[in-house]
Amino acid sequence: ISRDKAKNTAYLQMDNLRPEDTAVYYCAATPYYSCSGTGCYDY
C-alpha cells in the first residue's frame, strides 16, 4: 500500500494473485492513525 499526496491518490499493489483473491476491493478513509475495522472508516 502506498499513497501519493500530491495526486490525492492511494494505491494497492497486489502480486502473486490467487483465485481466492477474487472479490470486490474497496478503499476507505479514516481519521484514526491506524485501524482495521470497518467502523472506524468514514468514507
PDB file of all heavy atoms in Angstrom:
ATOM      1  N   ILE A   1       0.845  -1.184   0.000  1.00  0.00           N
ATOM      2  CA  ILE A   1       0.000   0.000   0.000  1.00  0.00           C
ATOM      3  C   ILE A   1       0.885   1.240   0.000  1.00  0.00           C
ATOM      4  O   ILE A   1       1.857   1.322   0.750  1.00  0.00           O
ATOM      5  CB  ILE A   1      -0.944   0.001   1.208  1.00  0.00           C
ATOM      6  CG1 ILE A   1      -1.913  -1.180   1.102  1.00  0.00           C
ATOM      7  CG2 ILE A   1      -1.709   1.316   1.311  1.00  0.00           C
ATOM      8  CD1 ILE A   1      -2.754  -1.405   2.340  1.00  0.00           C
ATOM      9  N   SER A   2       0.525   2.176  -0.826  1.00  0.00           N
ATOM     10  CA  SER A   2       1.270   3.415  -0.905  1.00  0.00           C
ATOM     11  C   SER A   2       0.311   4.558  -1.177  1.00  0.00           C
ATOM     12  O   SER A   2      -0.878   4.343  -1.435  1.00  0.00           O
ATOM     13  CB  SER A   2       2.347   3.339  -1.993  1.00  0.00           C
ATOM     14  OG  SER A   2       1.768   3.095  -3.260  1.00  0.00           O
ATOM     15  N   ARG A   3       0.810   5.764  -1.100  1.00  0.00           N
ATOM     16  CA  ARG A   3      -0.013   6.911  -1.435  1.00  0.00           C
ATOM     17  C   ARG A   3       0.848   8.016  -1.999  1.00  0.00           C
ATOM     18  O   ARG A   3       2.047   8.109  -1.724  1.00  0.00           O
ATOM     19  CB  ARG A   3      -0.816   7.394  -0.216  1.00  0.00           C
ATOM     20  CG  ARG A   3       0.011   8.051   0.878  1.00  0.00           C
ATOM     21  CD  ARG A   3      -0.840   8.313   2.123  1.00  0.00           C
ATOM     22  NE  ARG A   3      -2.004   9.130   1.834  1.00  0.00           N
ATOM     23  CZ  ARG A   3      -3.020   9.314   2.670  1.00  0.00           C
ATOM     24  NH1 ARG A   3      -3.009   8.718   3.869  1.00  0.00           N
ATOM     25  NH2 ARG A   3      -4.043  10.078   2.321  1.00  0.00           N
ATOM     26  N   ASP A   4       0.208   8.846  -2.783  1.00  0.00           N
ATOM     27  CA  ASP A   4       0.851   9.999  -3.384  1.00  0.00           C
ATOM     28  C   ASP A   4       0.007  11.200  -3.004  1.00  0.00           C
ATOM     29  O   ASP A   4      -1.052  11.435  -3.590  1.00  0.00           O
ATOM     30  CB  ASP A   4       0.950   9.832  -4.897  1.00  0.00           C
ATOM     31  CG  ASP A   4       1.762  10.921  -5.568  1.00  0.00           C
ATOM     32  OD1 ASP A   4       1.871  12.031  -5.008  1.00  0.00           O
ATOM     33  OD2 ASP A   4       2.292  10.667  -6.661  1.00  0.00           O
ATOM     34  N   LYS A   5       0.460  11.936  -2.023  1.00  0.00           N
ATOM     35  CA  LYS A   5      -0.325  13.053  -1.525  1.00  0.00           C
ATOM     36  C   LYS A   5      -0.510  14.149  -2.573  1.00  0.00           C
ATOM     37  O   LYS A   5      -1.552  14.793  -2.618  1.00  0.00           O
ATOM     38  CB  LYS A   5       0.311  13.632  -0.268  1.00  0.00           C
ATOM     39  CG  LYS A   5       0.207  12.722   0.938  1.00  0.00           C
ATOM     40  CD  LYS A   5       0.758  13.388   2.177  1.00  0.00           C
ATOM     41  CE  LYS A   5       0.553  12.513   3.403  1.00  0.00           C
ATOM     42  NZ  LYS A   5       1.073  13.177   4.626  1.00  0.00           N
ATOM     43  N   ALA A   6       0.497  14.346  -3.396  1.00  0.00           N
ATOM     44  CA  ALA A   6       0.402  15.365  -4.432  1.00  0.00           C
ATOM     45  C   ALA A   6      -0.713  15.057  -5.420  1.00  0.00           C
ATOM     46  O   ALA A   6      -1.323  15.966  -5.984  1.00  0.00           O
ATOM     47  CB  ALA A   6       1.732  15.505  -5.160  1.00  0.00           C
ATOM     48  N   LYS A   7      -0.974  13.780  -5.640  1.00  0.00           N
ATOM     49  CA  LYS A   7      -2.017  13.352  -6.564  1.00  0.00           C
ATOM     50  C   LYS A   7      -3.318  13.002  -5.862  1.00  0.00           C
ATOM     51  O   LYS A   7      -4.285  12.606  -6.519  1.00  0.00           O
ATOM     52  CB  LYS A   7      -1.543  12.155  -7.384  1.00  0.00           C
ATOM     53  CG  LYS A   7      -0.367  12.457  -8.297  1.00  0.00           C
ATOM     54  CD  LYS A   7       0.041  11.224  -9.092  1.00  0.00           C
ATOM     55  CE  LYS A   7       1.186  11.533 -10.024  1.00  0.00           C
ATOM     56  NZ  LYS A   7       1.608  10.336 -10.803  1.00  0.00           N
ATOM     57  N   ASN A   8      -3.327  13.131  -4.538  1.00  0.00           N
ATOM     58  CA  ASN A   8      -4.523  12.808  -3.755  1.00  0.00           C
ATOM     59  C   ASN A   8      -4.992  11.386  -4.067  1.00  0.00           C
ATOM     60  O   ASN A   8      -6.183  11.138  -4.288  1.00  0.00           O
ATOM     61  CB  ASN A   8      -5.635  13.822  -4.040  1.00  0.00           C
ATOM     62  CG  ASN A   8      -6.597  14.000  -2.889  1.00  0.00           C
ATOM     63  OD1 ASN A   8      -6.283  13.703  -1.733  1.00  0.00           O
ATOM     64  ND2 ASN A   8      -7.792  14.506  -3.197  1.00  0.00           N
ATOM     65  N   THR A   9      -4.044  10.479  -4.065  1.00  0.00           N
ATOM     66  CA  THR A   9      -4.287   9.129  -4.539  1.00  0.00           C
ATOM     67  C   THR A   9      -3.578   8.111  -3.657  1.00  0.00           C
ATOM     68  O   THR A   9      -2.489   8.370  -3.142  1.00  0.00           O
ATOM     69  CB  THR A   9      -3.790   8.979  -5.991  1.00  0.00           C
ATOM     70  OG1 THR A   9      -4.471   9.931  -6.822  1.00  0.00           O
ATOM     71  CG2 THR A   9      -4.047   7.586  -6.530  1.00  0.00           C
ATOM     72  N   ALA A  10      -4.204   6.974  -3.473  1.00  0.00           N
ATOM     73  CA  ALA A  10      -3.584   5.855  -2.782  1.00  0.00           C
ATOM     74  C   ALA A  10      -3.609   4.641  -3.698  1.00  0.00           C
ATOM     75  O   ALA A  10      -4.415   4.557  -4.624  1.00  0.00           O
ATOM     76  CB  ALA A  10      -4.302   5.550  -1.470  1.00  0.00           C
ATOM     77  N   TYR A  11      -2.736   3.690  -3.415  1.00  0.00           N
ATOM     78  CA  TYR A  11      -2.587   2.531  -4.284  1.00  0.00           C
ATOM     79  C   TYR A  11      -2.549   1.243  -3.484  1.00  0.00           C
ATOM     80  O   TYR A  11      -2.094   1.204  -2.339  1.00  0.00           O
ATOM     81  CB  TYR A  11      -1.300   2.628  -5.102  1.00  0.00           C
ATOM     82  CG  TYR A  11      -1.189   3.888  -5.922  1.00  0.00           C
ATOM     83  CD1 TYR A  11      -0.505   4.993  -5.434  1.00  0.00           C
ATOM     84  CD2 TYR A  11      -1.770   3.966  -7.177  1.00  0.00           C
ATOM     85  CE1 TYR A  11      -0.402   6.155  -6.181  1.00  0.00           C
ATOM     86  CE2 TYR A  11      -1.680   5.121  -7.933  1.00  0.00           C
ATOM     87  CZ  TYR A  11      -0.992   6.214  -7.433  1.00  0.00           C
ATOM     88  OH  TYR A  11      -0.894   7.360  -8.178  1.00  0.00           O
ATOM     89  N   LEU A  12      -3.019   0.202  -4.120  1.00  0.00           N
ATOM     90  CA  LEU A  12      -2.878  -1.144  -3.603  1.00  0.00           C
ATOM     91  C   LEU A  12      -2.234  -1.985  -4.691  1.00  0.00           C
ATOM     92  O   LEU A  12      -2.873  -2.311  -5.692  1.00  0.00           O
ATOM     93  CB  LEU A  12      -4.232  -1.735  -3.198  1.00  0.00           C
ATOM     94  CG  LEU A  12      -4.235  -3.214  -2.783  1.00  0.00           C
ATOM     95  CD1 LEU A  12      -3.389  -3.431  -1.535  1.00  0.00           C
ATOM     96  CD2 LEU A  12      -5.658  -3.704  -2.564  1.00  0.00           C
ATOM     97  N   GLN A  13      -0.980  -2.300  -4.503  1.00  0.00           N
ATOM     98  CA  GLN A  13      -0.272  -3.176  -5.423  1.00  0.00           C
ATOM     99  C   GLN A  13      -0.449  -4.606  -4.953  1.00  0.00           C
ATOM    100  O   GLN A  13      -0.154  -4.920  -3.797  1.00  0.00           O
ATOM    101  CB  GLN A  13       1.220  -2.825  -5.468  1.00  0.00           C
ATOM    102  CG  GLN A  13       2.070  -3.762  -6.318  1.00  0.00           C
ATOM    103  CD  GLN A  13       1.800  -3.630  -7.797  1.00  0.00           C
ATOM    104  OE1 GLN A  13       1.615  -2.529  -8.292  1.00  0.00           O
ATOM    105  NE2 GLN A  13       1.772  -4.754  -8.509  1.00  0.00           N
ATOM    106  N   MET A  14      -0.933  -5.459  -5.828  1.00  0.00           N
ATOM    107  CA  MET A  14      -1.166  -6.851  -5.495  1.00  0.00           C
ATOM    108  C   MET A  14      -0.375  -7.734  -6.442  1.00  0.00           C
ATOM    109  O   MET A  14      -0.479  -7.594  -7.664  1.00  0.00           O
ATOM    110  CB  MET A  14      -2.652  -7.187  -5.571  1.00  0.00           C
ATOM    111  CG  MET A  14      -3.518  -6.338  -4.655  1.00  0.00           C
ATOM    112  SD  MET A  14      -5.229  -6.920  -4.571  1.00  0.00           S
ATOM    113  CE  MET A  14      -5.768  -6.531  -6.244  1.00  0.00           C
ATOM    114  N   ASP A  15       0.385  -8.622  -5.863  1.00  0.00           N
ATOM    115  CA  ASP A  15       1.220  -9.526  -6.630  1.00  0.00           C
ATOM    116  C   ASP A  15       0.883 -10.972  -6.292  1.00  0.00           C
ATOM    117  O   ASP A  15       0.309 -11.262  -5.246  1.00  0.00           O
ATOM    118  CB  ASP A  15       2.697  -9.263  -6.331  1.00  0.00           C
ATOM    119  CG  ASP A  15       3.130  -7.862  -6.652  1.00  0.00           C
ATOM    120  OD1 ASP A  15       2.883  -7.400  -7.782  1.00  0.00           O
ATOM    121  OD2 ASP A  15       3.719  -7.207  -5.762  1.00  0.00           O
ATOM    122  N   ASN A  16       1.285 -11.857  -7.181  1.00  0.00           N
ATOM    123  CA  ASN A  16       1.053 -13.288  -6.979  1.00  0.00           C
ATOM    124  C   ASN A  16      -0.403 -13.559  -6.617  1.00  0.00           C
ATOM    125  O   ASN A  16      -0.713 -14.247  -5.647  1.00  0.00           O
ATOM    126  CB  ASN A  16       1.993 -13.818  -5.889  1.00  0.00           C
ATOM    127  CG  ASN A  16       2.037 -15.330  -5.807  1.00  0.00           C
ATOM    128  OD1 ASN A  16       2.246 -15.887  -4.736  1.00  0.00           O
ATOM    129  ND2 ASN A  16       1.828 -16.000  -6.939  1.00  0.00           N
ATOM    130  N   LEU A  17      -1.290 -13.030  -7.414  1.00  0.00           N
ATOM    131  CA  LEU A  17      -2.709 -13.168  -7.139  1.00  0.00           C
ATOM    132  C   LEU A  17      -3.181 -14.603  -7.278  1.00  0.00           C
ATOM    133  O   LEU A  17      -2.665 -15.364  -8.097  1.00  0.00           O
ATOM    134  CB  LEU A  17      -3.508 -12.257  -8.062  1.00  0.00           C
ATOM    135  CG  LEU A  17      -3.432 -10.777  -7.695  1.00  0.00           C
ATOM    136  CD1 LEU A  17      -3.882  -9.912  -8.868  1.00  0.00           C
ATOM    137  CD2 LEU A  17      -4.284 -10.491  -6.467  1.00  0.00           C
ATOM    138  N   ARG A  18      -4.157 -14.940  -6.477  1.00  0.00           N
ATOM    139  CA  ARG A  18      -4.725 -16.273  -6.436  1.00  0.00           C
ATOM    140  C   ARG A  18      -6.222 -16.204  -6.706  1.00  0.00           C
ATOM    141  O   ARG A  18      -6.843 -15.175  -6.479  1.00  0.00           O
ATOM    142  CB  ARG A  18      -4.492 -16.899  -5.055  1.00  0.00           C
ATOM    143  CG  ARG A  18      -3.044 -16.902  -4.610  1.00  0.00           C
ATOM    144  CD  ARG A  18      -2.934 -17.160  -3.120  1.00  0.00           C
ATOM    145  NE  ARG A  18      -1.552 -17.110  -2.665  1.00  0.00           N
ATOM    146  CZ  ARG A  18      -1.183 -17.112  -1.398  1.00  0.00           C
ATOM    147  NH1 ARG A  18      -2.100 -17.171  -0.438  1.00  0.00           N
ATOM    148  NH2 ARG A  18       0.105 -17.060  -1.084  1.00  0.00           N
ATOM    149  N   PRO A  19      -6.815 -17.295  -7.182  1.00  0.00           N
ATOM    150  CA  PRO A  19      -8.258 -17.276  -7.423  1.00  0.00           C
ATOM    151  C   PRO A  19      -9.062 -16.861  -6.195  1.00  0.00           C
ATOM    152  O   PRO A  19     -10.095 -16.197  -6.335  1.00  0.00           O
ATOM    153  CB  PRO A  19      -8.566 -18.717  -7.832  1.00  0.00           C
ATOM    154  CG  PRO A  19      -7.304 -19.177  -8.484  1.00  0.00           C
ATOM    155  CD  PRO A  19      -6.200 -18.540  -7.678  1.00  0.00           C
ATOM    156  N   GLU A  20      -8.609 -17.219  -5.022  1.00  0.00           N
ATOM    157  CA  GLU A  20      -9.319 -16.842  -3.813  1.00  0.00           C
ATOM    158  C   GLU A  20      -9.228 -15.354  -3.493  1.00  0.00           C
ATOM    159  O   GLU A  20      -9.894 -14.876  -2.574  1.00  0.00           O
ATOM    160  CB  GLU A  20      -8.842 -17.668  -2.607  1.00  0.00           C
ATOM    161  CG  GLU A  20      -7.339 -17.642  -2.392  1.00  0.00           C
ATOM    162  CD  GLU A  20      -6.632 -18.848  -2.988  1.00  0.00           C
ATOM    163  OE1 GLU A  20      -6.977 -19.254  -4.118  1.00  0.00           O
ATOM    164  OE2 GLU A  20      -5.733 -19.401  -2.320  1.00  0.00           O
ATOM    165  N   ASP A  21      -8.416 -14.627  -4.235  1.00  0.00           N
ATOM    166  CA  ASP A  21      -8.368 -13.174  -4.103  1.00  0.00           C
ATOM    167  C   ASP A  21      -9.508 -12.491  -4.846  1.00  0.00           C
ATOM    168  O   ASP A  21      -9.670 -11.272  -4.749  1.00  0.00           O
ATOM    169  CB  ASP A  21      -7.037 -12.625  -4.614  1.00  0.00           C
ATOM    170  CG  ASP A  21      -5.852 -13.052  -3.765  1.00  0.00           C
ATOM    171  OD1 ASP A  21      -5.995 -13.112  -2.529  1.00  0.00           O
ATOM    172  OD2 ASP A  21      -4.781 -13.317  -4.348  1.00  0.00           O
ATOM    173  N   THR A  22     -10.270 -13.253  -5.601  1.00  0.00           N
ATOM    174  CA  THR A  22     -11.398 -12.697  -6.330  1.00  0.00           C
ATOM    175  C   THR A  22     -12.390 -12.074  -5.356  1.00  0.00           C
ATOM    176  O   THR A  22     -12.881 -12.734  -4.444  1.00  0.00           O
ATOM    177  CB  THR A  22     -12.082 -13.780  -7.166  1.00  0.00           C
ATOM    178  OG1 THR A  22     -11.170 -14.259  -8.166  1.00  0.00           O
ATOM    179  CG2 THR A  22     -13.328 -13.236  -7.858  1.00  0.00           C
ATOM    180  N   ALA A  23     -12.668 -10.811  -5.551  1.00  0.00           N
ATOM    181  CA  ALA A  23     -13.531 -10.072  -4.637  1.00  0.00           C
ATOM    182  C   ALA A  23     -13.724  -8.663  -5.172  1.00  0.00           C
ATOM    183  O   ALA A  23     -13.086  -8.250  -6.145  1.00  0.00           O
ATOM    184  CB  ALA A  23     -12.907 -10.008  -3.238  1.00  0.00           C
ATOM    185  N   VAL A  24     -14.599  -7.941  -4.518  1.00  0.00           N
ATOM    186  CA  VAL A  24     -14.700  -6.510  -4.743  1.00  0.00           C
ATOM    187  C   VAL A  24     -13.768  -5.828  -3.754  1.00  0.00           C
ATOM    188  O   VAL A  24     -13.826  -6.093  -2.550  1.00  0.00           O
ATOM    189  CB  VAL A  24     -16.138  -6.000  -4.567  1.00  0.00           C
ATOM    190  CG1 VAL A  24     -16.197  -4.484  -4.741  1.00  0.00           C
ATOM    191  CG2 VAL A  24     -17.063  -6.673  -5.573  1.00  0.00           C
ATOM    192  N   TYR A  25     -12.931  -4.960  -4.255  1.00  0.00           N
ATOM    193  CA  TYR A  25     -11.947  -4.284  -3.435  1.00  0.00           C
ATOM    194  C   TYR A  25     -12.361  -2.842  -3.201  1.00  0.00           C
ATOM    195  O   TYR A  25     -12.767  -2.141  -4.132  1.00  0.00           O
ATOM    196  CB  TYR A  25     -10.570  -4.345  -4.098  1.00  0.00           C
ATOM    197  CG  TYR A  25      -9.932  -5.710  -3.967  1.00  0.00           C
ATOM    198  CD1 TYR A  25     -10.428  -6.794  -4.681  1.00  0.00           C
ATOM    199  CD2 TYR A  25      -8.858  -5.917  -3.104  1.00  0.00           C
ATOM    200  CE1 TYR A  25      -9.870  -8.054  -4.543  1.00  0.00           C
ATOM    201  CE2 TYR A  25      -8.293  -7.174  -2.965  1.00  0.00           C
ATOM    202  CZ  TYR A  25      -8.798  -8.238  -3.685  1.00  0.00           C
ATOM    203  OH  TYR A  25      -8.241  -9.489  -3.546  1.00  0.00           O
ATOM    204  N   TYR A  26     -12.239  -2.413  -1.958  1.00  0.00           N
ATOM    205  CA  TYR A  26     -12.655  -1.082  -1.552  1.00  0.00           C
ATOM    206  C   TYR A  26     -11.507  -0.330  -0.904  1.00  0.00           C
ATOM    207  O   TYR A  26     -10.693  -0.917  -0.191  1.00  0.00           O
ATOM    208  CB  TYR A  26     -13.785  -1.155  -0.520  1.00  0.00           C
ATOM    209  CG  TYR A  26     -15.045  -1.838  -0.986  1.00  0.00           C
ATOM    210  CD1 TYR A  26     -15.201  -3.212  -0.872  1.00  0.00           C
ATOM    211  CD2 TYR A  26     -16.087  -1.095  -1.520  1.00  0.00           C
ATOM    212  CE1 TYR A  26     -16.363  -3.839  -1.278  1.00  0.00           C
ATOM    213  CE2 TYR A  26     -17.256  -1.715  -1.929  1.00  0.00           C
ATOM    214  CZ  TYR A  26     -17.390  -3.085  -1.803  1.00  0.00           C
ATOM    215  OH  TYR A  26     -18.548  -3.699  -2.208  1.00  0.00           O
ATOM    216  N   CYS A  27     -11.486   0.953  -1.124  1.00  0.00           N
ATOM    217  CA  CYS A  27     -10.637   1.811  -0.318  1.00  0.00           C
ATOM    218  C   CYS A  27     -11.527   2.645   0.592  1.00  0.00           C
ATOM    219  O   CYS A  27     -12.705   2.856   0.323  1.00  0.00           O
ATOM    220  CB  CYS A  27      -9.730   2.707  -1.171  1.00  0.00           C
ATOM    221  SG  CYS A  27     -10.568   3.955  -2.165  1.00  0.00           S
ATOM    222  N   ALA A  28     -10.961   3.082   1.680  1.00  0.00           N
ATOM    223  CA  ALA A  28     -11.702   3.857   2.657  1.00  0.00           C
ATOM    224  C   ALA A  28     -10.762   4.797   3.387  1.00  0.00           C
ATOM    225  O   ALA A  28      -9.555   4.576   3.438  1.00  0.00           O
ATOM    226  CB  ALA A  28     -12.394   2.922   3.654  1.00  0.00           C
ATOM    227  N   ALA A  29     -11.328   5.849   3.949  1.00  0.00           N
ATOM    228  CA  ALA A  29     -10.549   6.858   4.656  1.00  0.00           C
ATOM    229  C   ALA A  29     -10.942   6.910   6.119  1.00  0.00           C
ATOM    230  O   ALA A  29     -12.128   6.879   6.453  1.00  0.00           O
ATOM    231  CB  ALA A  29     -10.742   8.226   4.010  1.00  0.00           C
ATOM    232  N   THR A  30      -9.941   6.999   6.975  1.00  0.00           N
ATOM    233  CA  THR A  30     -10.168   7.029   8.416  1.00  0.00           C
ATOM    234  C   THR A  30      -9.427   8.193   9.055  1.00  0.00           C
ATOM    235  O   THR A  30      -8.315   8.512   8.662  1.00  0.00           O
ATOM    236  CB  THR A  30      -9.705   5.711   9.073  1.00  0.00           C
ATOM    237  OG1 THR A  30      -9.874   5.806  10.493  1.00  0.00           O
ATOM    238  CG2 THR A  30      -8.236   5.423   8.776  1.00  0.00           C
ATOM    239  N   PRO A  31     -10.035   8.838  10.052  1.00  0.00           N
ATOM    240  CA  PRO A  31      -9.323   9.887  10.774  1.00  0.00           C
ATOM    241  C   PRO A  31      -8.350   9.340  11.805  1.00  0.00           C
ATOM    242  O   PRO A  31      -7.561  10.100  12.354  1.00  0.00           O
ATOM    243  CB  PRO A  31     -10.455  10.668  11.459  1.00  0.00           C
ATOM    244  CG  PRO A  31     -11.503   9.636  11.699  1.00  0.00           C
ATOM    245  CD  PRO A  31     -11.440   8.721  10.506  1.00  0.00           C
ATOM    246  N   TYR A  32      -8.406   8.040  12.062  1.00  0.00           N
ATOM    247  CA  TYR A  32      -7.519   7.442  13.035  1.00  0.00           C
ATOM    248  C   TYR A  32      -6.143   7.191  12.447  1.00  0.00           C
ATOM    249  O   TYR A  32      -5.973   7.042  11.234  1.00  0.00           O
ATOM    250  CB  TYR A  32      -8.103   6.133  13.563  1.00  0.00           C
ATOM    251  CG  TYR A  32      -9.366   6.318  14.361  1.00  0.00           C
ATOM    252  CD1 TYR A  32     -10.605   6.174  13.757  1.00  0.00           C
ATOM    253  CD2 TYR A  32      -9.310   6.648  15.712  1.00  0.00           C
ATOM    254  CE1 TYR A  32     -11.771   6.349  14.484  1.00  0.00           C
ATOM    255  CE2 TYR A  32     -10.469   6.827  16.439  1.00  0.00           C
ATOM    256  CZ  TYR A  32     -11.694   6.674  15.821  1.00  0.00           C
ATOM    257  OH  TYR A  32     -12.848   6.848  16.552  1.00  0.00           O
ATOM    258  N   TYR A  33      -5.186   7.113  13.328  1.00  0.00           N
ATOM    259  CA  TYR A  33      -3.818   6.834  12.890  1.00  0.00           C
ATOM    260  C   TYR A  33      -3.755   5.473  12.204  1.00  0.00           C
ATOM    261  O   TYR A  33      -3.110   5.324  11.163  1.00  0.00           O
ATOM    262  CB  TYR A  33      -2.862   6.873  14.079  1.00  0.00           C
ATOM    263  CG  TYR A  33      -1.433   6.546  13.729  1.00  0.00           C
ATOM    264  CD1 TYR A  33      -0.610   7.509  13.140  1.00  0.00           C
ATOM    265  CD2 TYR A  33      -0.903   5.290  13.980  1.00  0.00           C
ATOM    266  CE1 TYR A  33       0.697   7.218  12.809  1.00  0.00           C
ATOM    267  CE2 TYR A  33       0.411   4.997  13.656  1.00  0.00           C
ATOM    268  CZ  TYR A  33       1.206   5.963  13.070  1.00  0.00           C
ATOM    269  OH  TYR A  33       2.513   5.673  12.748  1.00  0.00           O
ATOM    270  N   SER A  34      -4.415   4.512  12.807  1.00  0.00           N
ATOM    271  CA  SER A  34      -4.440   3.174  12.246  1.00  0.00           C
ATOM    272  C   SER A  34      -5.659   2.440  12.787  1.00  0.00           C
ATOM    273  O   SER A  34      -5.965   2.526  13.970  1.00  0.00           O
ATOM    274  CB  SER A  34      -3.169   2.408  12.609  1.00  0.00           C
ATOM    275  OG  SER A  34      -3.183   1.099  12.063  1.00  0.00           O
ATOM    276  N   CYS A  35      -6.372   1.748  11.929  1.00  0.00           N
ATOM    277  CA  CYS A  35      -7.470   0.905  12.368  1.00  0.00           C
ATOM    278  C   CYS A  35      -7.748  -0.142  11.303  1.00  0.00           C
ATOM    279  O   CYS A  35      -7.470   0.064  10.120  1.00  0.00           O
ATOM    280  CB  CYS A  35      -8.724   1.715  12.681  1.00  0.00           C
ATOM    281  SG  CYS A  35      -9.483   2.534  11.275  1.00  0.00           S
ATOM    282  N   SER A  36      -8.278  -1.254  11.744  1.00  0.00           N
ATOM    283  CA  SER A  36      -8.528  -2.375  10.856  1.00  0.00           C
ATOM    284  C   SER A  36      -9.997  -2.761  10.767  1.00  0.00           C
ATOM    285  O   SER A  36     -10.347  -3.684  10.036  1.00  0.00           O
ATOM    286  CB  SER A  36      -7.702  -3.588  11.292  1.00  0.00           C
ATOM    287  OG  SER A  36      -8.012  -3.975  12.621  1.00  0.00           O
ATOM    288  N   GLY A  37     -10.843  -2.078  11.501  1.00  0.00           N
ATOM    289  CA  GLY A  37     -12.260  -2.365  11.474  1.00  0.00           C
ATOM    290  C   GLY A  37     -13.004  -1.432  10.551  1.00  0.00           C
ATOM    291  O   GLY A  37     -12.622  -0.273  10.371  1.00  0.00           O
ATOM    292  N   THR A  38     -14.062  -1.925   9.964  1.00  0.00           N
ATOM    293  CA  THR A  38     -14.833  -1.100   9.038  1.00  0.00           C
ATOM    294  C   THR A  38     -15.456   0.104   9.724  1.00  0.00           C
ATOM    295  O   THR A  38     -15.669   1.138   9.084  1.00  0.00           O
ATOM    296  CB  THR A  38     -15.940  -1.924   8.363  1.00  0.00           C
ATOM    297  OG1 THR A  38     -16.797  -2.496   9.359  1.00  0.00           O
ATOM    298  CG2 THR A  38     -15.338  -3.047   7.522  1.00  0.00           C
ATOM    299  N   GLY A  39     -15.738  -0.011  11.014  1.00  0.00           N
ATOM    300  CA  GLY A  39     -16.438   1.037  11.734  1.00  0.00           C
ATOM    301  C   GLY A  39     -15.653   2.316  11.931  1.00  0.00           C
ATOM    302  O   GLY A  39     -16.243   3.361  12.230  1.00  0.00           O
ATOM    303  N   CYS A  40     -14.351   2.271  11.801  1.00  0.00           N
ATOM    304  CA  CYS A  40     -13.546   3.459  12.013  1.00  0.00           C
ATOM    305  C   CYS A  40     -13.226   4.209  10.727  1.00  0.00           C
ATOM    306  O   CYS A  40     -12.468   5.178  10.756  1.00  0.00           O
ATOM    307  CB  CYS A  40     -12.261   3.113  12.767  1.00  0.00           C
ATOM    308  SG  CYS A  40     -11.254   1.833  12.001  1.00  0.00           S
ATOM    309  N   TYR A  41     -13.806   3.786   9.642  1.00  0.00           N
ATOM    310  CA  TYR A  41     -13.599   4.458   8.361  1.00  0.00           C
ATOM    311  C   TYR A  41     -14.827   5.286   8.001  1.00  0.00           C
ATOM    312  O   TYR A  41     -15.953   4.785   8.001  1.00  0.00           O
ATOM    313  CB  TYR A  41     -13.276   3.442   7.259  1.00  0.00           C
ATOM    314  CG  TYR A  41     -11.882   2.890   7.392  1.00  0.00           C
ATOM    315  CD1 TYR A  41     -11.606   1.832   8.244  1.00  0.00           C
ATOM    316  CD2 TYR A  41     -10.830   3.471   6.683  1.00  0.00           C
ATOM    317  CE1 TYR A  41     -10.316   1.356   8.396  1.00  0.00           C
ATOM    318  CE2 TYR A  41      -9.540   2.997   6.823  1.00  0.00           C
ATOM    319  CZ  TYR A  41      -9.283   1.937   7.679  1.00  0.00           C
ATOM    320  OH  TYR A  41      -8.001   1.465   7.829  1.00  0.00           O
ATOM    321  N   ASP A  42     -14.590   6.544   7.699  1.00  0.00           N
ATOM    322  CA  ASP A  42     -15.683   7.481   7.455  1.00  0.00           C
ATOM    323  C   ASP A  42     -16.158   7.509   6.014  1.00  0.00           C
ATOM    324  O   ASP A  42     -17.335   7.777   5.754  1.00  0.00           O
ATOM    325  CB  ASP A  42     -15.241   8.898   7.846  1.00  0.00           C
ATOM    326  CG  ASP A  42     -15.033   9.059   9.339  1.00  0.00           C
ATOM    327  OD1 ASP A  42     -15.578   8.255  10.119  1.00  0.00           O
ATOM    328  OD2 ASP A  42     -14.324  10.007   9.726  1.00  0.00           O
ATOM    329  N   TYR A  43     -15.263   7.281   5.096  1.00  0.00           N
ATOM    330  CA  TYR A  43     -15.586   7.365   3.678  1.00  0.00           C
ATOM    331  C   TYR A  43     -15.172   6.098   2.965  1.00  0.00           C
ATOM    332  O   TYR A  43     -14.103   5.542   3.238  1.00  0.00           O
ATOM    333  CB  TYR A  43     -14.899   8.569   3.035  1.00  0.00           C
ATOM    334  CG  TYR A  43     -15.238   9.881   3.688  1.00  0.00           C
ATOM    335  CD1 TYR A  43     -14.348  10.496   4.551  1.00  0.00           C
ATOM    336  CD2 TYR A  43     -16.465  10.492   3.443  1.00  0.00           C
ATOM    337  CE1 TYR A  43     -14.664  11.700   5.163  1.00  0.00           C
ATOM    338  CE2 TYR A  43     -16.786  11.690   4.053  1.00  0.00           C
ATOM    339  CZ  TYR A  43     -15.885  12.292   4.908  1.00  0.00           C
ATOM    340  OH  TYR A  43     -16.205  13.480   5.512  1.00  0.00           O
TER     341      TYR A  43
END
